[in-house]
């Protein structure tokens, strides 16, 4: 952790009291929100997650710290909101090829868990948010479960995967493997390893 992290912790303590007043006074200005979220994305890309502080976000967005804390209690909240589009449910892969579909699906999970190529971004942001972060991680994986199930069910219906395939177990197994390797192991699987996951799928008769 950097020296900025210590001041960040102190900021978060003071920020909770200010954040509790959220909703009072004038309505939020969406232009301010957009500037803050854009600033957070830029700073994570330039400095890495651990170097970003509430002060640096406020300075880049040209807003006061009080304005920032009225909207978000800490940097983890700002940064996860800044990457909300990347964390939302992705489209179901439909390329017409089983292997290409599955690889695209697995790559999307890897990209989500390694925002900006850094496996520490999602892990650190969610860890700082405590129970809220755990719920956020569940939401991220749940948003990817549906597309995975639909993808495999389509290929089962096409006869390229066996009807007996437990698609829910397969999708959950992929998520568990990638979560462990990336978030906890800080190792990013490449296409070779992802291809091995595809090759483990049993083929239909």
N, C-alpha and C. Protein backbone atom coordinates (compact mmCIF):
# COMPACT_ATOMS: atom_id res chain seq x y z
N UNK A 1 0.84 -1.19 0.00
CA UNK A 1 0.00 0.00 0.00
C UNK A 1 0.87 1.24 0.00
N UNK A 2 0.43 2.26 -0.67
CA UNK A 2 1.18 3.50 -0.72
C UNK A 2 0.74 4.41 0.39
N UNK A 3 1.51 5.53 0.54
CA UNK A 3 1.15 6.50 1.56
C UNK A 3 -0.22 7.08 1.27
N UNK A 4 -0.62 7.10 -0.01
CA UNK A 4 -1.94 7.61 -0.35
C UNK A 4 -3.03 6.74 0.21
N UNK A 5 -2.74 5.45 0.43
CA UNK A 5 -3.74 4.56 0.94
C UNK A 5 -4.12 4.91 2.36
N UNK A 6 -3.15 5.33 3.20
CA UNK A 6 -3.45 5.69 4.58
C UNK A 6 -4.40 6.87 4.63
N UNK A 7 -4.10 7.90 3.83
CA UNK A 7 -4.99 9.05 3.82
C UNK A 7 -6.34 8.65 3.26
N UNK A 8 -6.33 7.66 2.36
CA UNK A 8 -7.58 7.18 1.80
C UNK A 8 -8.45 6.59 2.88
N UNK A 9 -7.85 5.80 3.79
CA UNK A 9 -8.62 5.19 4.87
C UNK A 9 -9.23 6.26 5.75
N UNK A 10 -8.44 7.28 6.07
CA UNK A 10 -8.97 8.36 6.89
C UNK A 10 -10.10 9.07 6.18
N UNK A 11 -9.95 9.24 4.85
CA UNK A 11 -11.00 9.90 4.08
C UNK A 11 -12.29 9.11 4.14
N UNK A 12 -12.16 7.77 4.08
CA UNK A 12 -13.35 6.94 4.08
C UNK A 12 -14.10 7.06 5.39
N UNK A 13 -13.38 7.17 6.50
CA UNK A 13 -14.04 7.31 7.80
C UNK A 13 -14.84 8.60 7.84
N UNK A 14 -14.21 9.69 7.40
CA UNK A 14 -14.92 10.95 7.38
C UNK A 14 -16.01 10.98 6.33
N UNK A 15 -15.81 10.19 5.27
CA UNK A 15 -16.76 10.22 4.17
C UNK A 15 -18.08 9.58 4.50
N UNK A 16 -18.10 8.61 5.43
CA UNK A 16 -19.34 7.93 5.75
C UNK A 16 -20.37 8.90 6.32
N UNK A 17 -19.91 9.80 7.19
CA UNK A 17 -20.84 10.74 7.80
C UNK A 17 -21.41 11.68 6.74
N UNK A 18 -20.54 12.10 5.83
CA UNK A 18 -21.01 12.98 4.77
C UNK A 18 -21.93 12.22 3.83
N UNK A 19 -21.53 10.97 3.52
CA UNK A 19 -22.33 10.16 2.61
C UNK A 19 -23.72 9.88 3.15
N UNK A 20 -23.84 9.85 4.50
CA UNK A 20 -25.14 9.58 5.10
C UNK A 20 -26.13 10.69 4.80
N UNK A 21 -25.61 11.86 4.44
CA UNK A 21 -26.48 12.97 4.14
C UNK A 21 -26.91 12.99 2.68
N UNK A 22 -26.52 11.97 1.93
CA UNK A 22 -26.83 11.92 0.51
C UNK A 22 -28.34 12.02 0.31
N UNK A 23 -28.75 12.74 -0.65
CA UNK A 23 -30.17 12.88 -0.92
C UNK A 23 -30.73 14.19 -0.40
N UNK A 24 -30.00 14.88 0.51
CA UNK A 24 -30.46 16.17 1.00
C UNK A 24 -30.00 17.28 0.06
N UNK A 25 -30.71 18.39 0.09
CA UNK A 25 -30.28 19.55 -0.68
C UNK A 25 -30.64 19.42 -2.15
N UNK A 26 -29.86 20.07 -3.00
CA UNK A 26 -30.16 20.11 -4.42
C UNK A 26 -29.98 18.74 -5.08
N UNK A 27 -30.72 18.50 -6.18
CA UNK A 27 -30.56 17.23 -6.91
C UNK A 27 -29.13 17.10 -7.45
N UNK A 28 -28.70 15.85 -7.64
CA UNK A 28 -27.37 15.62 -8.18
C UNK A 28 -27.27 16.12 -9.60
N UNK A 29 -26.13 16.67 -9.93
CA UNK A 29 -25.87 17.16 -11.28
C UNK A 29 -25.22 16.02 -12.07
N UNK A 30 -25.91 15.49 -13.10
CA UNK A 30 -25.33 14.37 -13.85
C UNK A 30 -24.01 14.71 -14.52
N UNK A 31 -23.80 15.99 -14.84
CA UNK A 31 -22.54 16.38 -15.47
C UNK A 31 -21.38 16.20 -14.49
N UNK A 32 -21.63 16.49 -13.21
CA UNK A 32 -20.59 16.27 -12.20
C UNK A 32 -20.31 14.78 -12.07
N UNK A 33 -21.36 13.97 -12.01
CA UNK A 33 -21.18 12.53 -11.91
C UNK A 33 -20.34 12.01 -13.07
N UNK A 34 -20.67 12.45 -14.27
CA UNK A 34 -19.95 11.98 -15.45
C UNK A 34 -18.48 12.37 -15.41
N UNK A 35 -18.19 13.58 -14.95
CA UNK A 35 -16.80 14.02 -14.85
C UNK A 35 -16.03 13.18 -13.83
N UNK A 36 -16.68 12.89 -12.71
CA UNK A 36 -16.03 12.10 -11.67
C UNK A 36 -15.75 10.69 -12.17
N UNK A 37 -16.73 10.06 -12.80
CA UNK A 37 -16.55 8.68 -13.27
C UNK A 37 -15.49 8.62 -14.37
N UNK A 38 -15.49 9.61 -15.25
CA UNK A 38 -14.45 9.65 -16.29
C UNK A 38 -13.07 9.83 -15.67
N UNK A 39 -12.98 10.68 -14.65
CA UNK A 39 -11.71 10.89 -13.97
C UNK A 39 -11.22 9.61 -13.31
N UNK A 40 -12.13 8.88 -12.68
CA UNK A 40 -11.75 7.64 -12.01
C UNK A 40 -11.21 6.63 -13.01
N UNK A 41 -11.87 6.50 -14.15
CA UNK A 41 -11.41 5.57 -15.18
C UNK A 41 -10.02 5.96 -15.67
N UNK A 42 -9.84 7.24 -15.93
CA UNK A 42 -8.54 7.70 -16.43
C UNK A 42 -7.42 7.42 -15.43
N UNK A 43 -7.70 7.71 -14.17
CA UNK A 43 -6.65 7.56 -13.16
C UNK A 43 -6.29 6.10 -12.92
N UNK A 44 -7.29 5.22 -12.93
CA UNK A 44 -6.98 3.79 -12.77
C UNK A 44 -6.12 3.32 -13.93
N UNK A 45 -6.45 3.79 -15.14
CA UNK A 45 -5.66 3.41 -16.30
C UNK A 45 -4.24 3.95 -16.26
N UNK A 46 -4.07 5.15 -15.73
CA UNK A 46 -2.75 5.79 -15.70
C UNK A 46 -1.90 5.33 -14.52
N UNK A 47 -2.52 5.20 -13.35
CA UNK A 47 -1.75 4.99 -12.12
C UNK A 47 -1.89 3.59 -11.53
N UNK A 48 -2.96 2.87 -11.87
CA UNK A 48 -3.25 1.63 -11.18
C UNK A 48 -4.17 1.90 -10.00
N UNK A 49 -4.93 0.90 -9.63
CA UNK A 49 -5.96 1.09 -8.61
C UNK A 49 -5.41 1.64 -7.29
N UNK A 50 -4.33 1.07 -6.80
CA UNK A 50 -3.85 1.41 -5.45
C UNK A 50 -3.31 2.83 -5.35
N UNK A 51 -2.98 3.44 -6.46
CA UNK A 51 -2.44 4.80 -6.43
C UNK A 51 -3.54 5.86 -6.49
N UNK A 52 -4.75 5.45 -6.76
CA UNK A 52 -5.85 6.41 -6.90
C UNK A 52 -6.44 6.72 -5.53
N UNK A 53 -6.67 7.99 -5.25
CA UNK A 53 -7.30 8.41 -4.00
C UNK A 53 -8.50 9.28 -4.31
N UNK A 54 -9.31 9.52 -3.29
CA UNK A 54 -10.44 10.42 -3.46
C UNK A 54 -9.96 11.82 -3.84
N UNK A 55 -8.82 12.23 -3.25
CA UNK A 55 -8.28 13.55 -3.58
C UNK A 55 -7.91 13.65 -5.05
N UNK A 56 -7.25 12.60 -5.57
CA UNK A 56 -6.82 12.66 -6.98
C UNK A 56 -8.02 12.64 -7.92
N UNK A 57 -9.07 11.89 -7.54
CA UNK A 57 -10.28 11.86 -8.37
C UNK A 57 -10.94 13.24 -8.38
N UNK A 58 -11.07 13.84 -7.19
CA UNK A 58 -11.70 15.16 -7.10
C UNK A 58 -10.90 16.19 -7.89
N UNK A 59 -9.58 16.11 -7.79
CA UNK A 59 -8.72 17.07 -8.49
C UNK A 59 -8.86 16.90 -10.00
N UNK A 60 -8.83 15.66 -10.48
CA UNK A 60 -8.94 15.43 -11.93
C UNK A 60 -10.32 15.86 -12.45
N UNK A 61 -11.36 15.61 -11.65
CA UNK A 61 -12.73 15.94 -12.08
C UNK A 61 -13.08 17.41 -11.85
N UNK A 62 -12.18 18.12 -11.16
CA UNK A 62 -12.40 19.53 -10.85
C UNK A 62 -13.67 19.73 -10.00
N UNK A 63 -13.77 18.93 -8.95
CA UNK A 63 -14.87 19.08 -7.99
C UNK A 63 -14.27 19.07 -6.59
N UNK A 64 -15.02 19.57 -5.62
CA UNK A 64 -14.57 19.55 -4.25
C UNK A 64 -14.72 18.17 -3.62
N UNK A 65 -13.91 17.88 -2.60
CA UNK A 65 -14.01 16.58 -1.94
C UNK A 65 -15.37 16.39 -1.30
N UNK A 66 -15.95 17.47 -0.77
CA UNK A 66 -17.28 17.35 -0.16
C UNK A 66 -18.31 16.92 -1.20
N UNK A 67 -18.20 17.47 -2.40
CA UNK A 67 -19.10 17.08 -3.49
C UNK A 67 -18.93 15.60 -3.81
N UNK A 68 -17.69 15.15 -3.83
CA UNK A 68 -17.40 13.75 -4.14
C UNK A 68 -17.99 12.83 -3.07
N UNK A 69 -17.77 13.17 -1.80
CA UNK A 69 -18.25 12.32 -0.71
C UNK A 69 -19.77 12.34 -0.56
N UNK A 70 -20.44 13.37 -1.06
CA UNK A 70 -21.89 13.35 -1.03
C UNK A 70 -22.44 12.30 -1.97
N UNK A 71 -21.63 11.91 -2.95
CA UNK A 71 -22.08 10.95 -3.95
C UNK A 71 -21.57 9.54 -3.69
N UNK A 72 -20.33 9.42 -3.23
CA UNK A 72 -19.71 8.12 -3.00
C UNK A 72 -18.96 8.13 -1.67
N UNK A 73 -19.08 7.07 -0.86
CA UNK A 73 -18.41 7.06 0.44
C UNK A 73 -16.91 6.80 0.38
N UNK A 74 -16.41 6.17 -0.69
CA UNK A 74 -14.99 5.85 -0.78
C UNK A 74 -14.60 5.60 -2.23
N UNK A 75 -13.31 5.43 -2.46
CA UNK A 75 -12.83 5.28 -3.84
C UNK A 75 -13.33 4.00 -4.49
N UNK A 76 -13.50 2.93 -3.68
CA UNK A 76 -13.98 1.67 -4.26
C UNK A 76 -15.35 1.85 -4.89
N UNK A 77 -16.20 2.61 -4.22
CA UNK A 77 -17.54 2.86 -4.76
C UNK A 77 -17.47 3.66 -6.05
N UNK A 78 -16.59 4.67 -6.08
CA UNK A 78 -16.45 5.48 -7.29
C UNK A 78 -15.96 4.61 -8.45
N UNK A 79 -14.94 3.82 -8.19
CA UNK A 79 -14.30 3.07 -9.27
C UNK A 79 -15.20 1.96 -9.80
N UNK A 80 -15.90 1.26 -8.91
CA UNK A 80 -16.80 0.21 -9.40
C UNK A 80 -17.94 0.83 -10.20
N UNK A 81 -18.43 2.00 -9.79
CA UNK A 81 -19.45 2.69 -10.59
C UNK A 81 -18.87 3.14 -11.93
N UNK A 82 -17.61 3.55 -11.93
CA UNK A 82 -16.99 4.02 -13.17
C UNK A 82 -16.90 2.91 -14.21
N UNK A 83 -16.81 1.66 -13.74
CA UNK A 83 -16.70 0.53 -14.66
C UNK A 83 -17.99 -0.27 -14.72
N UNK A 84 -19.12 0.37 -14.40
CA UNK A 84 -20.40 -0.33 -14.35
C UNK A 84 -20.76 -0.98 -15.68
N UNK A 85 -20.48 -0.30 -16.79
CA UNK A 85 -20.82 -0.87 -18.10
C UNK A 85 -20.08 -2.17 -18.35
N UNK A 86 -18.80 -2.22 -17.96
CA UNK A 86 -18.01 -3.43 -18.16
C UNK A 86 -18.48 -4.56 -17.24
N UNK A 87 -19.10 -4.22 -16.12
CA UNK A 87 -19.52 -5.23 -15.15
C UNK A 87 -20.94 -5.72 -15.40
N UNK A 88 -21.68 -5.07 -16.29
CA UNK A 88 -23.06 -5.46 -16.57
C UNK A 88 -23.10 -6.75 -17.39
N UNK A 89 -24.30 -7.31 -17.54
CA UNK A 89 -24.44 -8.57 -18.27
C UNK A 89 -24.03 -8.41 -19.73
N UNK A 90 -23.15 -9.27 -20.21
CA UNK A 90 -22.70 -9.19 -21.61
C UNK A 90 -23.68 -9.92 -22.52
N UNK A 91 -23.58 -9.71 -23.83
CA UNK A 91 -24.42 -10.47 -24.76
C UNK A 91 -24.00 -11.93 -24.80
N UNK A 92 -24.93 -12.79 -25.19
CA UNK A 92 -24.62 -14.21 -25.32
C UNK A 92 -23.84 -14.44 -26.61
N UNK A 93 -22.66 -15.07 -26.54
CA UNK A 93 -21.89 -15.32 -27.77
C UNK A 93 -22.69 -16.15 -28.77
N UNK A 94 -22.67 -15.76 -30.02
CA UNK A 94 -23.40 -16.48 -31.06
C UNK A 94 -22.67 -16.29 -32.39
N UNK A 95 -21.54 -16.98 -32.52
CA UNK A 95 -20.71 -16.84 -33.72
C UNK A 95 -20.98 -17.92 -34.75
N UNK A 96 -21.75 -18.95 -34.37
CA UNK A 96 -21.99 -20.05 -35.27
C UNK A 96 -21.00 -21.19 -35.12
N UNK A 97 -20.01 -21.03 -34.24
CA UNK A 97 -19.01 -22.07 -33.97
C UNK A 97 -18.93 -22.30 -32.47
N UNK A 98 -19.04 -23.56 -32.06
CA UNK A 98 -19.02 -23.90 -30.64
C UNK A 98 -17.75 -23.41 -29.96
N UNK A 99 -16.61 -23.77 -30.51
CA UNK A 99 -15.34 -23.41 -29.87
C UNK A 99 -15.17 -21.89 -29.79
N UNK A 100 -15.52 -21.20 -30.85
CA UNK A 100 -15.38 -19.74 -30.87
C UNK A 100 -16.31 -19.10 -29.86
N UNK A 101 -17.52 -19.63 -29.74
CA UNK A 101 -18.48 -19.10 -28.75
C UNK A 101 -17.93 -19.23 -27.34
N UNK A 102 -17.46 -20.44 -27.01
CA UNK A 102 -16.99 -20.68 -25.64
C UNK A 102 -15.75 -19.84 -25.34
N UNK A 103 -14.84 -19.75 -26.29
CA UNK A 103 -13.65 -18.92 -26.08
C UNK A 103 -14.03 -17.46 -25.87
N UNK A 104 -14.98 -16.97 -26.65
CA UNK A 104 -15.43 -15.58 -26.49
C UNK A 104 -16.05 -15.37 -25.12
N UNK A 105 -16.81 -16.34 -24.68
CA UNK A 105 -17.45 -16.25 -23.36
C UNK A 105 -16.40 -16.22 -22.25
N UNK A 106 -15.43 -17.12 -22.32
CA UNK A 106 -14.39 -17.18 -21.29
C UNK A 106 -13.50 -15.93 -21.32
N UNK A 107 -13.19 -15.46 -22.51
CA UNK A 107 -12.37 -14.24 -22.61
C UNK A 107 -13.08 -13.04 -21.98
N UNK A 108 -14.39 -12.96 -22.14
CA UNK A 108 -15.13 -11.84 -21.57
C UNK A 108 -15.05 -11.85 -20.06
N UNK A 109 -15.13 -13.04 -19.45
CA UNK A 109 -15.00 -13.13 -18.00
C UNK A 109 -13.60 -12.70 -17.57
N UNK A 110 -12.60 -13.17 -18.29
CA UNK A 110 -11.21 -12.78 -17.98
C UNK A 110 -11.06 -11.27 -18.07
N UNK A 111 -11.58 -10.67 -19.13
CA UNK A 111 -11.46 -9.22 -19.31
C UNK A 111 -12.17 -8.46 -18.20
N UNK A 112 -13.31 -8.99 -17.76
CA UNK A 112 -14.05 -8.33 -16.68
C UNK A 112 -13.29 -8.39 -15.37
N UNK A 113 -12.69 -9.53 -15.08
CA UNK A 113 -11.97 -9.70 -13.82
C UNK A 113 -10.57 -9.09 -13.87
N UNK A 114 -10.16 -8.64 -15.05
CA UNK A 114 -8.85 -7.98 -15.18
C UNK A 114 -9.03 -6.63 -15.86
N UNK A 115 -9.89 -5.80 -15.30
CA UNK A 115 -10.15 -4.50 -15.90
C UNK A 115 -8.84 -3.76 -16.15
N UNK A 116 -8.70 -3.25 -17.37
CA UNK A 116 -7.48 -2.54 -17.78
C UNK A 116 -6.24 -3.42 -17.66
N UNK A 117 -6.44 -4.74 -17.74
CA UNK A 117 -5.31 -5.66 -17.68
C UNK A 117 -4.73 -5.87 -16.31
N UNK A 118 -5.37 -5.33 -15.28
CA UNK A 118 -4.83 -5.42 -13.92
C UNK A 118 -5.76 -6.25 -13.04
N UNK A 119 -5.36 -7.47 -12.65
CA UNK A 119 -6.24 -8.31 -11.83
C UNK A 119 -6.50 -7.74 -10.45
N UNK A 120 -5.75 -6.73 -10.03
CA UNK A 120 -5.96 -6.18 -8.69
C UNK A 120 -7.12 -5.19 -8.63
N UNK A 121 -7.57 -4.68 -9.78
CA UNK A 121 -8.60 -3.64 -9.77
C UNK A 121 -9.90 -4.16 -9.19
N UNK A 122 -10.45 -5.21 -9.79
CA UNK A 122 -11.72 -5.76 -9.30
C UNK A 122 -11.56 -6.33 -7.91
N UNK A 123 -10.49 -7.11 -7.69
CA UNK A 123 -10.28 -7.74 -6.39
C UNK A 123 -10.17 -6.70 -5.28
N UNK A 124 -9.36 -5.68 -5.48
CA UNK A 124 -9.14 -4.68 -4.44
C UNK A 124 -10.38 -3.83 -4.20
N UNK A 125 -11.04 -3.42 -5.27
CA UNK A 125 -12.23 -2.58 -5.12
C UNK A 125 -13.31 -3.32 -4.36
N UNK A 126 -13.53 -4.59 -4.70
CA UNK A 126 -14.56 -5.35 -4.02
C UNK A 126 -14.18 -5.65 -2.58
N UNK A 127 -12.90 -5.92 -2.33
CA UNK A 127 -12.46 -6.20 -0.96
C UNK A 127 -12.68 -4.99 -0.06
N UNK A 128 -12.41 -3.80 -0.58
CA UNK A 128 -12.58 -2.59 0.22
C UNK A 128 -14.04 -2.33 0.57
N UNK A 129 -14.95 -2.87 -0.22
CA UNK A 129 -16.36 -2.62 0.03
C UNK A 129 -16.98 -3.65 0.96
N UNK A 130 -16.18 -4.60 1.47
CA UNK A 130 -16.65 -5.55 2.46
C UNK A 130 -17.81 -6.39 1.96
N UNK A 131 -18.87 -6.50 2.77
CA UNK A 131 -20.02 -7.32 2.40
C UNK A 131 -20.67 -6.82 1.11
N UNK A 132 -20.66 -5.51 0.94
CA UNK A 132 -21.20 -4.95 -0.30
C UNK A 132 -20.36 -5.41 -1.48
N UNK A 133 -19.06 -5.52 -1.27
CA UNK A 133 -18.18 -5.99 -2.32
C UNK A 133 -18.42 -7.45 -2.66
N UNK A 134 -18.67 -8.27 -1.63
CA UNK A 134 -18.98 -9.68 -1.88
C UNK A 134 -20.24 -9.80 -2.71
N UNK A 135 -21.23 -8.99 -2.37
CA UNK A 135 -22.48 -9.01 -3.14
C UNK A 135 -22.21 -8.54 -4.57
N UNK A 136 -21.33 -7.56 -4.72
CA UNK A 136 -20.99 -7.07 -6.05
C UNK A 136 -20.32 -8.14 -6.89
N UNK A 137 -19.43 -8.92 -6.28
CA UNK A 137 -18.76 -9.99 -7.01
C UNK A 137 -19.77 -11.05 -7.44
N UNK A 138 -20.71 -11.38 -6.54
CA UNK A 138 -21.76 -12.34 -6.91
C UNK A 138 -22.57 -11.81 -8.09
N UNK A 139 -22.86 -10.52 -8.06
CA UNK A 139 -23.64 -9.93 -9.16
C UNK A 139 -22.88 -10.00 -10.48
N UNK A 140 -21.57 -9.76 -10.42
CA UNK A 140 -20.76 -9.82 -11.64
C UNK A 140 -20.81 -11.22 -12.24
N UNK A 141 -20.63 -12.24 -11.40
CA UNK A 141 -20.62 -13.61 -11.90
C UNK A 141 -22.02 -14.06 -12.30
N UNK A 142 -23.03 -13.62 -11.55
CA UNK A 142 -24.41 -13.99 -11.89
C UNK A 142 -24.80 -13.40 -13.25
N UNK A 143 -24.32 -12.20 -13.52
CA UNK A 143 -24.63 -11.55 -14.80
C UNK A 143 -24.03 -12.32 -15.97
N UNK A 144 -22.99 -13.10 -15.72
CA UNK A 144 -22.35 -13.88 -16.77
C UNK A 144 -22.86 -15.32 -16.81
N UNK A 145 -23.59 -15.73 -15.80
CA UNK A 145 -24.09 -17.10 -15.75
C UNK A 145 -25.17 -17.33 -16.81
N UNK A 146 -26.09 -16.38 -16.90
CA UNK A 146 -27.18 -16.52 -17.87
C UNK A 146 -26.69 -16.67 -19.30
N UNK A 147 -25.82 -15.78 -19.78
CA UNK A 147 -25.30 -15.95 -21.13
C UNK A 147 -24.58 -17.28 -21.34
N UNK A 148 -23.85 -17.75 -20.32
CA UNK A 148 -23.16 -19.03 -20.44
C UNK A 148 -24.13 -20.19 -20.55
N UNK A 149 -25.18 -20.16 -19.73
CA UNK A 149 -26.18 -21.23 -19.79
C UNK A 149 -26.89 -21.23 -21.14
N UNK A 150 -27.28 -20.07 -21.62
CA UNK A 150 -27.98 -19.99 -22.91
C UNK A 150 -27.09 -20.47 -24.05
N UNK A 151 -25.81 -20.12 -23.97
CA UNK A 151 -24.87 -20.54 -25.01
C UNK A 151 -24.76 -22.06 -25.06
N UNK A 152 -24.54 -22.68 -23.91
CA UNK A 152 -24.38 -24.14 -23.88
C UNK A 152 -25.69 -24.84 -24.23
N UNK A 153 -26.81 -24.33 -23.74
CA UNK A 153 -28.10 -24.96 -24.06
C UNK A 153 -28.37 -24.92 -25.56
N UNK A 154 -27.95 -23.85 -26.22
CA UNK A 154 -28.14 -23.76 -27.67
C UNK A 154 -27.33 -24.84 -28.38
N UNK A 155 -26.10 -25.09 -27.91
CA UNK A 155 -25.28 -26.10 -28.56
C UNK A 155 -25.71 -27.51 -28.20
N UNK A 156 -26.32 -27.68 -27.03
CA UNK A 156 -26.93 -28.98 -26.71
C UNK A 156 -28.08 -29.24 -27.67
N UNK A 157 -28.92 -28.24 -27.88
CA UNK A 157 -30.06 -28.38 -28.79
C UNK A 157 -29.61 -28.65 -30.22
N UNK A 158 -28.43 -28.13 -30.58
CA UNK A 158 -27.90 -28.34 -31.93
C UNK A 158 -27.25 -29.71 -32.08
N UNK A 159 -27.09 -30.44 -30.98
CA UNK A 159 -26.53 -31.78 -31.03
C UNK A 159 -25.02 -31.84 -30.93
N UNK A 160 -24.36 -30.70 -30.76
CA UNK A 160 -22.90 -30.71 -30.66
C UNK A 160 -22.41 -30.96 -29.23
N UNK A 161 -23.29 -30.84 -28.27
CA UNK A 161 -23.00 -31.21 -26.89
C UNK A 161 -24.05 -32.21 -26.44
N UNK A 162 -23.69 -33.17 -25.57
CA UNK A 162 -24.65 -34.19 -25.16
C UNK A 162 -25.78 -33.62 -24.32
N UNK A 163 -26.97 -34.21 -24.45
CA UNK A 163 -28.12 -33.75 -23.67
C UNK A 163 -27.91 -33.93 -22.18
N UNK A 164 -27.05 -34.87 -21.81
CA UNK A 164 -26.80 -35.13 -20.39
C UNK A 164 -25.84 -34.12 -19.76
N UNK A 165 -25.31 -33.20 -20.55
CA UNK A 165 -24.32 -32.25 -20.03
C UNK A 165 -24.96 -31.35 -18.96
N UNK A 166 -24.40 -31.33 -17.74
CA UNK A 166 -24.93 -30.44 -16.69
C UNK A 166 -24.43 -29.01 -16.93
N UNK A 167 -25.13 -28.28 -17.76
CA UNK A 167 -24.63 -26.97 -18.20
C UNK A 167 -24.41 -26.02 -17.03
N UNK A 168 -25.25 -26.12 -15.99
CA UNK A 168 -25.06 -25.22 -14.84
C UNK A 168 -23.76 -25.53 -14.11
N UNK A 169 -23.43 -26.81 -14.00
CA UNK A 169 -22.18 -27.20 -13.34
C UNK A 169 -20.98 -26.73 -14.17
N UNK A 170 -21.07 -26.86 -15.48
CA UNK A 170 -19.97 -26.44 -16.35
C UNK A 170 -19.73 -24.94 -16.23
N UNK A 171 -20.80 -24.15 -16.32
CA UNK A 171 -20.66 -22.69 -16.25
C UNK A 171 -20.13 -22.26 -14.88
N UNK A 172 -20.65 -22.87 -13.82
CA UNK A 172 -20.16 -22.53 -12.48
C UNK A 172 -18.71 -22.95 -12.30
N UNK A 173 -18.34 -24.08 -12.90
CA UNK A 173 -16.95 -24.53 -12.81
C UNK A 173 -16.00 -23.58 -13.51
N UNK A 174 -16.39 -23.10 -14.68
CA UNK A 174 -15.57 -22.11 -15.37
C UNK A 174 -15.39 -20.86 -14.52
N UNK A 175 -16.51 -20.38 -13.97
CA UNK A 175 -16.46 -19.15 -13.16
C UNK A 175 -15.56 -19.35 -11.95
N UNK A 176 -15.69 -20.51 -11.30
CA UNK A 176 -14.88 -20.78 -10.12
C UNK A 176 -13.39 -20.83 -10.44
N UNK A 177 -13.06 -21.49 -11.55
CA UNK A 177 -11.65 -21.58 -11.96
C UNK A 177 -11.07 -20.20 -12.24
N UNK A 178 -11.80 -19.41 -13.03
CA UNK A 178 -11.29 -18.09 -13.41
C UNK A 178 -11.23 -17.15 -12.21
N UNK A 179 -12.22 -17.24 -11.34
CA UNK A 179 -12.22 -16.41 -10.14
C UNK A 179 -11.01 -16.73 -9.27
N UNK A 180 -10.76 -18.01 -9.07
CA UNK A 180 -9.63 -18.42 -8.22
C UNK A 180 -8.31 -17.98 -8.83
N UNK A 181 -8.14 -18.23 -10.12
CA UNK A 181 -6.86 -17.92 -10.76
C UNK A 181 -6.60 -16.42 -10.80
N UNK A 182 -7.62 -15.64 -11.13
CA UNK A 182 -7.41 -14.21 -11.37
C UNK A 182 -7.50 -13.39 -10.09
N UNK A 183 -8.61 -13.53 -9.37
CA UNK A 183 -8.84 -12.67 -8.20
C UNK A 183 -7.98 -13.08 -7.02
N UNK A 184 -7.86 -14.37 -6.79
CA UNK A 184 -7.10 -14.83 -5.62
C UNK A 184 -5.65 -15.19 -5.97
N UNK A 185 -5.43 -15.79 -7.14
CA UNK A 185 -4.07 -16.17 -7.53
C UNK A 185 -3.33 -15.09 -8.29
N UNK A 186 -4.04 -14.06 -8.75
CA UNK A 186 -3.45 -12.97 -9.53
C UNK A 186 -2.69 -13.50 -10.75
N UNK A 187 -3.22 -14.56 -11.34
CA UNK A 187 -2.66 -15.11 -12.57
C UNK A 187 -3.74 -15.06 -13.65
N UNK A 188 -3.40 -14.54 -14.80
CA UNK A 188 -4.38 -14.37 -15.87
C UNK A 188 -4.23 -15.48 -16.90
N UNK A 189 -5.23 -16.37 -17.04
CA UNK A 189 -5.13 -17.44 -18.02
C UNK A 189 -5.10 -16.88 -19.44
N UNK A 190 -4.24 -17.45 -20.27
CA UNK A 190 -4.18 -17.05 -21.67
C UNK A 190 -5.08 -17.92 -22.52
N UNK A 191 -5.05 -17.68 -23.83
CA UNK A 191 -5.91 -18.44 -24.73
C UNK A 191 -5.60 -19.93 -24.70
N UNK A 192 -4.34 -20.29 -24.42
CA UNK A 192 -4.00 -21.70 -24.35
C UNK A 192 -4.77 -22.42 -23.27
N UNK A 193 -4.78 -21.84 -22.08
CA UNK A 193 -5.52 -22.46 -20.97
C UNK A 193 -7.02 -22.41 -21.21
N UNK A 194 -7.49 -21.30 -21.76
CA UNK A 194 -8.92 -21.21 -22.05
C UNK A 194 -9.32 -22.26 -23.09
N UNK A 195 -8.44 -22.49 -24.06
CA UNK A 195 -8.71 -23.52 -25.04
C UNK A 195 -8.78 -24.91 -24.42
N UNK A 196 -7.98 -25.15 -23.40
CA UNK A 196 -8.04 -26.44 -22.70
C UNK A 196 -9.39 -26.63 -22.02
N UNK A 197 -9.95 -25.54 -21.49
CA UNK A 197 -11.28 -25.64 -20.89
C UNK A 197 -12.32 -26.01 -21.94
N UNK A 198 -12.17 -25.44 -23.13
CA UNK A 198 -13.10 -25.78 -24.21
C UNK A 198 -12.95 -27.24 -24.59
N UNK A 199 -11.71 -27.71 -24.70
CA UNK A 199 -11.45 -29.09 -25.13
C UNK A 199 -11.96 -30.11 -24.13
N UNK A 200 -12.17 -29.70 -22.88
CA UNK A 200 -12.68 -30.62 -21.87
C UNK A 200 -14.17 -30.88 -22.03
N UNK A 201 -14.86 -30.07 -22.84
CA UNK A 201 -16.29 -30.30 -23.05
C UNK A 201 -16.51 -31.60 -23.81
N UNK A 202 -17.41 -32.46 -23.33
CA UNK A 202 -17.73 -33.67 -24.09
C UNK A 202 -18.54 -33.30 -25.33
N UNK A 203 -18.34 -33.99 -26.41
CA UNK A 203 -19.07 -33.70 -27.64
C UNK A 203 -20.30 -34.60 -27.75
N UNK A 204 -21.29 -34.11 -28.48
CA UNK A 204 -22.52 -34.86 -28.67
C UNK A 204 -22.31 -36.06 -29.56
N UNK A 205 -23.27 -36.98 -29.51
CA UNK A 205 -23.17 -38.20 -30.31
C UNK A 205 -23.46 -37.91 -31.78
